[in-house]
Amino acid sequence: MSNDKVRAEFEEWYLSEIDNEAPVLAGGIFSSQHGNWCWQAWQSSRAALVVELPRLQGDAQYDGQEVIDALDAAGVAYK
């Protein structure tokens, strides 16, 4: 996922759930320290989310169930 998409998702959540009047200043910095702290936490949570898929042998490919099982084991929601 691109950093721009991550930031857009964060801003949508923050403005709808936390502070719908928090202006974002030039450079993507929030006018409030709270907004900046939330953004740092959001980035850290995304960076910490890594799902290790089972190793493949040779020309093998993942089937959907292997990926679903790995996501479930990591506690990751998916659609």
C-alpha atoms as a PDB file:
ATOM      1  CA  MET A   1       0.000   0.000   0.000  1.00  0.00           C
ATOM      2  CA  SER A   2       1.391   3.386  -0.924  1.00  0.00           C
ATOM      3  CA  ASN A   3       2.237   5.926   1.760  1.00  0.00           C
ATOM      4  CA  ASP A   4      -0.236   8.357   0.156  1.00  0.00           C
ATOM      5  CA  LYS A   5      -3.037   5.800   0.493  1.00  0.00           C
ATOM      6  CA  VAL A   6      -2.101   5.099   4.124  1.00  0.00           C
ATOM      7  CA  ARG A   7      -2.136   8.829   4.861  1.00  0.00           C
ATOM      8  CA  ALA A   8      -5.502   9.294   3.097  1.00  0.00           C
ATOM      9  CA  GLU A   9      -7.027   6.444   5.116  1.00  0.00           C
ATOM     10  CA  PHE A  10      -5.665   7.945   8.330  1.00  0.00           C
ATOM     11  CA  GLU A  11      -6.977  11.431   7.565  1.00  0.00           C
ATOM     12  CA  GLU A  12     -10.408  10.056   6.681  1.00  0.00           C
ATOM     13  CA  TRP A  13     -10.541   8.148   9.993  1.00  0.00           C
ATOM     14  CA  TYR A  14      -9.121  10.987  12.094  1.00  0.00           C
ATOM     15  CA  LEU A  15     -11.377  13.664  10.657  1.00  0.00           C
ATOM     16  CA  SER A  16     -14.507  11.499  10.981  1.00  0.00           C
ATOM     17  CA  GLU A  17     -13.802   9.898  14.358  1.00  0.00           C
ATOM     18  CA  ILE A  18     -11.545  12.243  16.332  1.00  0.00           C
ATOM     19  CA  ASP A  19     -11.601  15.848  15.174  1.00  0.00           C
ATOM     20  CA  ASN A  20     -13.588  16.889  12.125  1.00  0.00           C
ATOM     21  CA  GLU A  21     -12.191  20.411  12.254  1.00  0.00           C
ATOM     22  CA  ALA A  22      -8.475  19.617  12.506  1.00  0.00           C
ATOM     23  CA  PRO A  23      -6.788  21.371   9.612  1.00  0.00           C
ATOM     24  CA  VAL A  24      -3.807  19.697   7.997  1.00  0.00           C
ATOM     25  CA  LEU A  25      -1.046  22.215   7.418  1.00  0.00           C
ATOM     26  CA  ALA A  26       1.532  22.302   4.647  1.00  0.00           C
ATOM     27  CA  GLY A  27       3.784  19.274   4.687  1.00  0.00           C
ATOM     28  CA  GLY A  28       1.047  17.013   6.080  1.00  0.00           C
ATOM     29  CA  ILE A  29       1.425  18.220   9.658  1.00  0.00           C
ATOM     30  CA  PHE A  30      -1.711  18.575  11.772  1.00  0.00           C
ATOM     31  CA  SER A  31      -2.419  21.841  13.517  1.00  0.00           C
ATOM     32  CA  SER A  32      -2.737  19.925  16.803  1.00  0.00           C
ATOM     33  CA  GLN A  33      -0.087  17.825  18.504  1.00  0.00           C
ATOM     34  CA  HIS A  34      -2.775  15.205  19.141  1.00  0.00           C
ATOM     35  CA  GLY A  35      -3.266  14.726  15.396  1.00  0.00           C
ATOM     36  CA  ASN A  36       0.464  14.359  14.877  1.00  0.00           C
ATOM     37  CA  TRP A  37       0.747  11.785  17.688  1.00  0.00           C
ATOM     38  CA  CYS A  38      -2.151   9.799  16.231  1.00  0.00           C
ATOM     39  CA  TRP A  39      -0.501   9.859  12.798  1.00  0.00           C
ATOM     40  CA  GLN A  40       2.764   8.567  14.282  1.00  0.00           C
ATOM     41  CA  ALA A  41       0.898   5.762  16.060  1.00  0.00           C
ATOM     42  CA  TRP A  42      -0.991   4.893  12.856  1.00  0.00           C
ATOM     43  CA  GLN A  43       2.271   4.644  10.903  1.00  0.00           C
ATOM     44  CA  SER A  44       3.897   2.521  13.611  1.00  0.00           C
ATOM     45  CA  SER A  45       0.961   0.132  13.704  1.00  0.00           C
ATOM     46  CA  ARG A  46       1.104  -0.327   9.936  1.00  0.00           C
ATOM     47  CA  ALA A  47       4.879  -0.826   9.944  1.00  0.00           C
ATOM     48  CA  ALA A  48       4.582  -3.486  12.654  1.00  0.00           C
ATOM     49  CA  LEU A  49       2.075  -5.528  10.657  1.00  0.00           C
ATOM     50  CA  VAL A  50       4.043  -8.143   8.771  1.00  0.00           C
ATOM     51  CA  VAL A  51       2.584 -11.491   7.783  1.00  0.00           C
ATOM     52  CA  GLU A  52       5.032 -14.264   7.021  1.00  0.00           C
ATOM     53  CA  LEU A  53       3.673 -16.634   4.398  1.00  0.00           C
ATOM     54  CA  PRO A  54       4.714 -20.288   4.308  1.00  0.00           C
ATOM     55  CA  ARG A  55       7.834 -20.982   2.243  1.00  0.00           C
ATOM     56  CA  LEU A  56       7.251 -22.339  -1.236  1.00  0.00           C
ATOM     57  CA  GLN A  57       9.286 -25.118  -2.823  1.00  0.00           C
ATOM     58  CA  GLY A  58      10.365 -24.920  -6.454  1.00  0.00           C
ATOM     59  CA  ASP A  59       7.708 -23.542  -8.791  1.00  0.00           C
ATOM     60  CA  ALA A  60       4.898 -23.960  -6.274  1.00  0.00           C
ATOM     61  CA  GLN A  61       2.389 -21.145  -5.890  1.00  0.00           C
ATOM     62  CA  TYR A  62       0.244 -20.126  -2.951  1.00  0.00           C
ATOM     63  CA  ASP A  63      -3.333 -21.199  -2.948  1.00  0.00           C
ATOM     64  CA  GLY A  64      -5.884 -18.873  -1.424  1.00  0.00           C
ATOM     65  CA  GLN A  65      -6.358 -20.990   1.693  1.00  0.00           C
ATOM     66  CA  GLU A  66      -2.662 -20.793   2.632  1.00  0.00           C
ATOM     67  CA  VAL A  67      -2.796 -17.008   2.501  1.00  0.00           C
ATOM     68  CA  ILE A  68      -6.070 -16.904   4.458  1.00  0.00           C
ATOM     69  CA  ASP A  69      -4.605 -19.213   7.108  1.00  0.00           C
ATOM     70  CA  ALA A  70      -1.504 -17.001   7.462  1.00  0.00           C
ATOM     71  CA  LEU A  71      -3.641 -13.853   7.799  1.00  0.00           C
ATOM     72  CA  ASP A  72      -5.912 -15.547  10.352  1.00  0.00           C
ATOM     73  CA  ALA A  73      -2.909 -16.709  12.370  1.00  0.00           C
ATOM     74  CA  ALA A  74      -1.603 -13.126  12.441  1.00  0.00           C
ATOM     75  CA  GLY A  75      -4.999 -11.757  13.477  1.00  0.00           C
ATOM     76  CA  VAL A  76      -5.334  -9.666  10.334  1.00  0.00           C
ATOM     77  CA  ALA A  77      -8.769  -8.745   8.985  1.00  0.00           C
ATOM     78  CA  TYR A  78      -9.283  -9.034   5.242  1.00  0.00           C
ATOM     79  CA  LYS A  79     -12.010  -8.843   2.600  1.00  0.00           C
END
